[in-house]
Amino acid sequence: MTTIATIANKTGISSYNIRFYEKEGLLSIPRTKTGIRNFDIDSETRLYAIRHYRRAGLSLAQIKEIFANTDNHEMIIEVLKDRKSEMKKELYELETSMAYLEKKIKIHKERLKSQREVI
């Protein structure tokens, strides 16, 4: 039997979030006769999908829409392409900020070196 603690460790998703996703209807986890969650391969696969979609910045509403319309490939493609486009913009902004920080680090290292040479 695969428990919530085991699947949380395996997927990197907290037990709290797994319960939340289940409550929100993003996944249906089989239960034993005594009501204990028993994760199967389908629920584990869905958790990995949720994790990747969340890391990519998709909202819970978007993920629900994707899961509810698995045969609507055009809609899914559109949602994913839109998010990918947003991520490209975010990446550009991060790269620009990284370049700025590198420039400032270089300037301050040079100033520190000059300061130490004077002393």
C-alpha atoms as a PDB file:
ATOM      1  CA  MET A   1       0.000   0.000   0.000  1.00  0.00           C
ATOM      2  CA  THR A   2       1.307   3.443  -0.926  1.00  0.00           C
ATOM      3  CA  THR A   3       0.494   5.957   1.807  1.00  0.00           C
ATOM      4  CA  ILE A   4       0.268   9.723   1.641  1.00  0.00           C
ATOM      5  CA  ALA A   5       3.606  10.055   3.456  1.00  0.00           C
ATOM      6  CA  THR A   6       5.298   7.771   0.943  1.00  0.00           C
ATOM      7  CA  ILE A   7       3.832   9.573  -2.055  1.00  0.00           C
ATOM      8  CA  ALA A   8       4.644  12.973  -0.536  1.00  0.00           C
ATOM      9  CA  ASN A   9       8.310  11.974  -0.210  1.00  0.00           C
ATOM     10  CA  LYS A  10       8.340  10.470  -3.682  1.00  0.00           C
ATOM     11  CA  THR A  11       6.694  13.403  -5.494  1.00  0.00           C
ATOM     12  CA  GLY A  12       8.000  16.282  -3.412  1.00  0.00           C
ATOM     13  CA  ILE A  13       4.431  17.467  -2.798  1.00  0.00           C
ATOM     14  CA  SER A  14       3.474  17.930   0.829  1.00  0.00           C
ATOM     15  CA  SER A  15       0.754  15.791   2.387  1.00  0.00           C
ATOM     16  CA  TYR A  16      -1.169  18.996   3.033  1.00  0.00           C
ATOM     17  CA  ASN A  17      -1.102  19.935  -0.664  1.00  0.00           C
ATOM     18  CA  ILE A  18      -2.043  16.421  -1.732  1.00  0.00           C
ATOM     19  CA  ARG A  19      -5.116  16.563   0.514  1.00  0.00           C
ATOM     20  CA  PHE A  20      -5.883  20.054  -0.824  1.00  0.00           C
ATOM     21  CA  TYR A  21      -5.648  18.899  -4.450  1.00  0.00           C
ATOM     22  CA  GLU A  22      -7.941  15.997  -3.652  1.00  0.00           C
ATOM     23  CA  LYS A  23     -10.425  18.337  -1.931  1.00  0.00           C
ATOM     24  CA  GLU A  24     -10.312  20.664  -4.943  1.00  0.00           C
ATOM     25  CA  GLY A  25     -11.157  17.763  -7.251  1.00  0.00           C
ATOM     26  CA  LEU A  26      -7.826  17.657  -9.070  1.00  0.00           C
ATOM     27  CA  LEU A  27      -7.342  14.001  -8.250  1.00  0.00           C
ATOM     28  CA  SER A  28      -9.271  11.066  -6.918  1.00  0.00           C
ATOM     29  CA  ILE A  29      -7.310   8.790  -4.643  1.00  0.00           C
ATOM     30  CA  PRO A  30      -8.512   5.218  -4.106  1.00  0.00           C
ATOM     31  CA  ARG A  31      -9.106   4.271  -0.483  1.00  0.00           C
ATOM     32  CA  THR A  32      -8.939   1.039   1.447  1.00  0.00           C
ATOM     33  CA  LYS A  33     -12.004  -0.414   3.158  1.00  0.00           C
ATOM     34  CA  THR A  34     -10.973   1.477   6.283  1.00  0.00           C
ATOM     35  CA  GLY A  35     -10.764   4.792   4.392  1.00  0.00           C
ATOM     36  CA  ILE A  36      -6.984   5.096   4.156  1.00  0.00           C
ATOM     37  CA  ARG A  37      -5.685   6.621   0.937  1.00  0.00           C
ATOM     38  CA  ASN A  38      -3.935   4.057  -1.223  1.00  0.00           C
ATOM     39  CA  PHE A  39      -2.211   5.795  -4.099  1.00  0.00           C
ATOM     40  CA  ASP A  40      -2.205   3.954  -7.398  1.00  0.00           C
ATOM     41  CA  ILE A  41      -0.140   4.698 -10.503  1.00  0.00           C
ATOM     42  CA  ASP A  42      -2.869   6.954 -11.936  1.00  0.00           C
ATOM     43  CA  SER A  43      -3.022   9.181  -8.861  1.00  0.00           C
ATOM     44  CA  GLU A  44       0.778   9.305  -8.715  1.00  0.00           C
ATOM     45  CA  THR A  45       0.972  10.246 -12.404  1.00  0.00           C
ATOM     46  CA  ARG A  46      -1.627  12.964 -11.878  1.00  0.00           C
ATOM     47  CA  LEU A  47       0.329  14.351  -8.915  1.00  0.00           C
ATOM     48  CA  TYR A  48       3.451  14.606 -11.060  1.00  0.00           C
ATOM     49  CA  ALA A  49       1.422  16.447 -13.715  1.00  0.00           C
ATOM     50  CA  ILE A  50       0.039  18.841 -11.085  1.00  0.00           C
ATOM     51  CA  ARG A  51       3.546  19.455  -9.746  1.00  0.00           C
ATOM     52  CA  HIS A  52       4.912  20.284 -13.189  1.00  0.00           C
ATOM     53  CA  TYR A  53       1.944  22.456 -14.123  1.00  0.00           C
ATOM     54  CA  ARG A  54       2.201  24.368 -10.823  1.00  0.00           C
ATOM     55  CA  ARG A  55       5.958  24.839 -11.273  1.00  0.00           C
ATOM     56  CA  ALA A  56       5.240  26.181 -14.736  1.00  0.00           C
ATOM     57  CA  GLY A  57       2.905  28.711 -13.132  1.00  0.00           C
ATOM     58  CA  LEU A  58      -0.461  27.352 -14.192  1.00  0.00           C
ATOM     59  CA  SER A  59      -3.316  28.192 -11.860  1.00  0.00           C
ATOM     60  CA  LEU A  60      -5.439  25.525 -10.222  1.00  0.00           C
ATOM     61  CA  ALA A  61      -8.309  26.629 -12.459  1.00  0.00           C
ATOM     62  CA  GLN A  62      -6.187  26.058 -15.565  1.00  0.00           C
ATOM     63  CA  ILE A  63      -5.093  22.638 -14.336  1.00  0.00           C
ATOM     64  CA  LYS A  64      -8.706  21.700 -13.602  1.00  0.00           C
ATOM     65  CA  GLU A  65      -9.652  22.827 -17.090  1.00  0.00           C
ATOM     66  CA  ILE A  66      -6.916  20.692 -18.631  1.00  0.00           C
ATOM     67  CA  PHE A  67      -7.896  17.641 -16.572  1.00  0.00           C
ATOM     68  CA  ALA A  68     -11.588  18.134 -17.369  1.00  0.00           C
ATOM     69  CA  ASN A  69     -10.940  18.415 -21.106  1.00  0.00           C
ATOM     70  CA  THR A  70      -8.243  15.853 -21.853  1.00  0.00           C
ATOM     71  CA  ASP A  71      -9.622  15.309 -25.364  1.00  0.00           C
ATOM     72  CA  ASN A  72      -9.749  19.011 -26.214  1.00  0.00           C
ATOM     73  CA  HIS A  73      -6.209  19.141 -27.506  1.00  0.00           C
ATOM     74  CA  GLU A  74      -6.583  22.560 -29.136  1.00  0.00           C
ATOM     75  CA  MET A  75      -7.628  24.151 -25.834  1.00  0.00           C
ATOM     76  CA  ILE A  76      -4.812  22.437 -23.930  1.00  0.00           C
ATOM     77  CA  ILE A  77      -2.262  23.486 -26.525  1.00  0.00           C
ATOM     78  CA  GLU A  78      -3.490  27.070 -26.309  1.00  0.00           C
ATOM     79  CA  VAL A  79      -3.299  27.157 -22.488  1.00  0.00           C
ATOM     80  CA  LEU A  80       0.190  25.649 -22.487  1.00  0.00           C
ATOM     81  CA  LYS A  81       1.486  27.841 -25.315  1.00  0.00           C
ATOM     82  CA  ASP A  82       0.177  30.962 -23.573  1.00  0.00           C
ATOM     83  CA  ARG A  83       1.927  29.991 -20.340  1.00  0.00           C
ATOM     84  CA  LYS A  84       5.120  29.121 -22.208  1.00  0.00           C
ATOM     85  CA  SER A  85       5.067  32.572 -23.804  1.00  0.00           C
ATOM     86  CA  GLU A  86       4.628  34.200 -20.379  1.00  0.00           C
ATOM     87  CA  MET A  87       7.501  32.114 -19.024  1.00  0.00           C
ATOM     88  CA  LYS A  88       9.761  33.286 -21.854  1.00  0.00           C
ATOM     89  CA  LYS A  89       9.037  36.892 -20.878  1.00  0.00           C
ATOM     90  CA  GLU A  90       9.712  36.105 -17.217  1.00  0.00           C
ATOM     91  CA  LEU A  91      12.954  34.362 -18.162  1.00  0.00           C
ATOM     92  CA  TYR A  92      14.073  37.379 -20.194  1.00  0.00           C
ATOM     93  CA  GLU A  93      13.338  39.661 -17.249  1.00  0.00           C
ATOM     94  CA  LEU A  94      15.261  37.370 -14.894  1.00  0.00           C
ATOM     95  CA  GLU A  95      18.212  37.196 -17.273  1.00  0.00           C
ATOM     96  CA  THR A  96      18.219  40.994 -17.545  1.00  0.00           C
ATOM     97  CA  SER A  97      18.191  41.322 -13.765  1.00  0.00           C
ATOM     98  CA  MET A  98      20.937  38.706 -13.449  1.00  0.00           C
ATOM     99  CA  ALA A  99      23.106  40.638 -15.904  1.00  0.00           C
ATOM    100  CA  TYR A 100      22.517  43.824 -13.907  1.00  0.00           C
ATOM    101  CA  LEU A 101      23.495  42.083 -10.665  1.00  0.00           C
ATOM    102  CA  GLU A 102      26.641  40.675 -12.253  1.00  0.00           C
ATOM    103  CA  LYS A 103      27.574  44.167 -13.430  1.00  0.00           C
ATOM    104  CA  LYS A 104      27.024  45.611  -9.940  1.00  0.00           C
ATOM    105  CA  ILE A 105      29.002  42.798  -8.305  1.00  0.00           C
ATOM    106  CA  LYS A 106      31.909  43.497 -10.648  1.00  0.00           C
ATOM    107  CA  ILE A 107      31.795  47.228  -9.873  1.00  0.00           C
ATOM    108  CA  HIS A 108      31.722  46.667  -6.125  1.00  0.00           C
ATOM    109  CA  LYS A 109      34.532  44.103  -6.266  1.00  0.00           C
ATOM    110  CA  GLU A 110      36.671  46.626  -8.134  1.00  0.00           C
ATOM    111  CA  ARG A 111      35.850  49.341  -5.591  1.00  0.00           C
ATOM    112  CA  LEU A 112      36.615  47.006  -2.706  1.00  0.00           C
ATOM    113  CA  LYS A 113      39.923  46.087  -4.282  1.00  0.00           C
ATOM    114  CA  SER A 114      40.792  49.763  -4.775  1.00  0.00           C
ATOM    115  CA  GLN A 115      39.804  50.521  -1.199  1.00  0.00           C
ATOM    116  CA  ARG A 116      42.070  47.779   0.157  1.00  0.00           C
ATOM    117  CA  GLU A 117      44.983  48.976  -1.953  1.00  0.00           C
ATOM    118  CA  VAL A 118      44.703  52.471  -0.424  1.00  0.00           C
ATOM    119  CA  ILE A 119      44.824  51.120   3.120  1.00  0.00           C
END
